[in-house]
Protein backbone atom coordinates (compact mmCIF):
# COMPACT_ATOMS: atom_id res chain seq x y z
CA MET A 1 1.74 -37.68 -24.15
CA ALA A 2 2.13 -34.00 -25.13
CA ALA A 3 5.53 -32.48 -25.88
CA ASP A 4 5.48 -30.48 -22.64
CA ASP A 5 4.65 -33.59 -20.60
CA THR A 6 7.45 -35.51 -22.32
CA ASN A 7 9.97 -32.76 -21.55
CA ALA A 8 8.80 -32.60 -17.93
CA ALA A 9 9.02 -36.38 -17.55
CA SER A 10 12.50 -36.43 -19.07
CA ALA A 11 13.61 -33.60 -16.80
CA GLY A 12 12.29 -35.51 -13.77
CA THR A 13 9.89 -32.78 -12.65
CA ASP A 14 6.17 -32.84 -12.23
CA PRO A 15 4.47 -30.39 -14.67
CA ALA A 16 2.66 -28.84 -11.69
CA GLU A 17 6.03 -27.92 -10.11
CA ARG A 18 7.40 -26.12 -13.17
CA PRO A 19 7.52 -22.31 -13.10
CA PHE A 20 4.77 -20.47 -14.93
CA SER A 21 3.83 -16.88 -15.64
CA LEU A 22 1.24 -15.21 -13.43
CA VAL A 23 -0.12 -11.70 -13.90
CA ILE A 24 -1.06 -9.96 -10.64
CA GLY A 25 -3.30 -6.92 -10.81
CA VAL A 26 -3.73 -4.64 -7.78
CA THR A 27 -6.59 -2.15 -7.93
CA PRO A 28 -9.38 -1.26 -5.50
CA SER A 29 -11.78 -0.49 -8.35
CA PRO A 30 -14.16 -3.30 -9.38
CA ALA A 31 -14.55 -1.61 -12.77
CA GLU A 32 -10.78 -1.59 -13.27
CA ARG A 33 -10.54 -5.29 -12.26
CA LEU A 34 -13.18 -6.12 -14.86
CA ARG A 35 -11.30 -4.11 -17.50
CA LEU A 36 -8.05 -5.92 -16.67
CA THR A 37 -9.81 -9.28 -16.91
CA GLU A 38 -11.05 -8.42 -20.39
CA LEU A 39 -7.68 -7.03 -21.53
CA LEU A 40 -5.61 -9.95 -20.26
CA ASP A 41 -8.01 -12.78 -21.12
CA GLY A 42 -5.99 -15.76 -22.32
CA VAL A 43 -2.58 -14.09 -21.83
CA ALA A 44 -1.67 -15.86 -18.58
CA PRO A 45 -3.28 -16.84 -15.30
CA LEU A 46 -4.56 -13.66 -13.67
CA LEU A 47 -4.79 -12.83 -9.96
CA LEU A 48 -6.69 -9.64 -9.09
CA VAL A 49 -6.63 -8.14 -5.60
CA ALA A 50 -7.94 -4.90 -4.13
CA ASP A 51 -4.74 -3.87 -2.32
CA LEU A 52 -1.29 -4.99 -1.22
CA ASP A 53 -2.59 -6.13 2.17
CA GLU A 54 -4.88 -8.63 0.41
CA LEU A 55 -1.99 -9.83 -1.77
CA ARG A 56 0.26 -10.28 1.26
CA GLU A 57 -2.42 -12.35 2.97
CA LEU A 58 -2.67 -14.60 -0.10
CA ILE A 59 1.10 -15.02 -0.36
CA ALA A 60 1.80 -15.66 3.32
CA PRO A 61 -1.43 -16.19 5.26
CA GLY A 62 -1.19 -15.28 8.92
CA GLU A 63 2.37 -13.92 8.63
CA ASP A 64 3.40 -10.30 8.80
CA VAL A 65 5.60 -10.11 5.72
CA ARG A 66 6.32 -6.44 6.49
CA ARG A 67 8.16 -7.44 9.67
CA GLY A 68 11.40 -5.63 8.96
CA PRO A 69 13.23 -3.79 6.24
CA PRO A 70 14.91 -5.85 3.54
CA PRO A 71 18.68 -6.24 3.99
CA ASP A 72 19.49 -3.69 1.28
CA THR A 73 17.30 -0.93 2.74
CA PRO A 74 19.40 2.16 3.49
CA GLY A 75 19.68 3.41 7.06
CA PRO A 76 17.64 6.23 8.46
CA PRO A 77 17.77 9.53 6.62
CA PRO A 78 20.40 11.85 8.07
CA ASP A 79 17.84 14.49 9.08
CA CYS A 80 15.37 11.96 10.55
CA ALA A 81 12.57 12.84 8.14
CA LEU A 82 9.46 10.70 7.96
CA VAL A 83 9.85 8.14 5.15
CA ILE A 84 6.76 6.44 3.74
CA ASP A 85 7.55 3.23 1.86
CA ALA A 86 4.46 2.79 -0.29
CA ALA A 87 5.60 -0.57 -1.71
CA ARG A 88 5.99 -2.11 1.76
CA SER A 89 3.20 -0.07 3.43
CA THR A 90 5.44 1.20 6.19
CA ALA A 91 6.38 4.52 7.73
CA ARG A 92 9.88 5.01 9.12
CA TRP A 93 11.34 7.68 11.38
CA GLY A 94 15.03 7.23 12.17
CA ASP A 95 15.49 3.60 13.19
CA ARG A 96 11.80 3.04 14.06
CA GLU A 97 9.24 1.64 11.64
CA VAL A 98 5.50 0.88 11.77
CA ALA A 99 3.33 -1.10 9.40
CA LEU A 100 0.49 0.80 7.75
CA THR A 101 -2.76 -0.51 6.34
CA ARG A 102 -3.54 0.38 2.72
CA LEU A 103 -5.95 3.10 3.88
CA GLU A 104 -3.44 4.58 6.34
CA ARG A 105 -0.71 4.53 3.70
CA ASP A 106 -2.95 6.17 1.08
CA LEU A 107 -4.10 8.85 3.54
CA LEU A 108 -0.55 9.64 4.62
CA THR A 109 0.62 9.72 1.01
CA CYS A 110 -2.17 12.19 0.13
CA LEU A 111 -1.28 14.44 3.04
CA THR A 112 2.41 14.48 2.04
CA THR A 113 1.89 15.41 -1.61
CA GLU A 114 3.46 18.65 -2.73
CA PRO A 115 2.58 21.29 -1.99
CA VAL A 116 1.55 20.29 1.53
CA ARG A 117 -1.95 21.71 1.86
CA VAL A 118 -5.29 21.34 3.61
CA TRP A 119 -7.43 18.49 2.27
CA GLY A 120 -11.23 18.51 2.58
CA TYR A 121 -12.94 15.43 4.04
CA ALA A 122 -14.78 14.56 0.79
CA GLU A 123 -11.57 15.02 -1.19
CA LEU A 124 -9.66 12.70 1.16
CA HIS A 125 -12.45 10.13 1.04
CA ARG A 126 -12.31 10.05 -2.78
CA ALA A 127 -8.50 9.80 -2.78
CA VAL A 128 -8.30 7.04 -0.15
CA TRP A 129 -11.46 4.96 -0.63
CA HIS A 130 -11.55 5.58 -4.42
CA ASP A 131 -14.98 4.55 -5.72
CA ALA A 132 -16.57 3.46 -2.43
CA PRO A 133 -20.30 4.15 -2.60
CA THR A 134 -20.60 5.80 0.84
CA ARG A 135 -18.72 8.85 2.00
CA HIS A 136 -18.78 9.41 5.74
CA ARG A 137 -16.73 12.00 7.58
CA ALA A 138 -16.44 9.49 10.45
CA ASP A 139 -14.50 7.11 8.15
CA VAL A 140 -11.82 9.74 7.64
CA GLN A 141 -11.80 10.76 11.32
CA SER A 142 -11.39 7.15 12.47
CA LEU A 143 -8.55 6.59 10.02
CA VAL A 144 -6.84 9.82 11.13
CA LYS A 145 -7.09 8.73 14.78
CA ARG A 146 -5.30 5.42 14.01
CA LEU A 147 -2.70 7.20 11.89
CA ARG A 148 -1.97 9.76 14.63
CA ARG A 149 -1.41 6.91 17.10
CA LYS A 150 1.05 5.18 14.74
CA LEU A 151 2.92 8.42 14.04
CA GLY A 152 3.12 8.92 17.81
CA GLU A 153 4.58 5.41 18.23
CA LEU A 154 7.35 6.42 15.84
CA GLY A 155 8.17 9.45 17.98
CA THR A 156 7.84 11.85 15.06
CA GLY A 157 6.99 15.51 15.27
CA VAL A 158 4.58 14.77 12.42
CA THR A 159 0.84 14.64 13.03
CA VAL A 160 -2.46 15.24 11.27
CA VAL A 161 -4.30 18.35 12.41
CA ALA A 162 -7.81 19.55 11.72
CA VAL A 163 -8.23 22.96 10.15
CA ARG A 164 -11.59 24.16 11.44
CA GLY A 165 -14.23 24.31 8.73
CA VAL A 166 -11.82 23.24 5.98
CA GLY A 167 -10.32 19.78 6.49
CA LEU A 168 -7.04 18.15 7.47
CA ARG A 169 -3.35 18.74 6.91
CA LEU A 170 -0.05 17.21 7.91
CA THR A 171 2.20 19.18 10.24
CA ASP A 172 5.94 18.84 9.95
CA HIS A 173 8.67 21.34 9.40
CA ARG A 174 10.66 18.88 7.29
CA ARG A 175 9.32 17.44 4.07
CA PRO A 176 8.31 13.75 4.43
CA SER A 177 9.42 11.55 1.56
CA VAL A 178 7.45 8.82 -0.17
CA ARG A 179 9.23 5.89 -1.80
CA GLY A 180 8.07 2.97 -3.92
CA GLY A 181 4.73 4.39 -5.02
């Protein structure tokens, strides 16, 4: 019997139930996942996922773990600005909150970067889909449509508008804030 097995047996726990280290890597890039695998080989068990949605599904399959804010989350901002919680993939306006997919969150985060500006379709596609091999304007338009609907559900004055011949921009007279990025 190995020393670890002896200690586990004397402690009355099964070795499989003891805590262990796990490294979790989150990156949409296959090249980056390969690089992480090479860098962390032999360090600890490694779990690589493309995005937080995939990780959530692995942790709690079938459950919506983004159901509500954690107990220590502060109340709505005093001026009712749009708050994007990148860590939880949610958008909040006052006391309302909607879950965002990784793509919706990344698109909204791009559109809220300072200074707020017009983003071209190709530029948005690179920023949101990263190294995806195809770049279709329809991908961005479909994502914008879903995001507009969710922003409407929140009751915000914020929306995504098309600037003819240039691209897209976020409209809001207050500055949205992004947390947990």
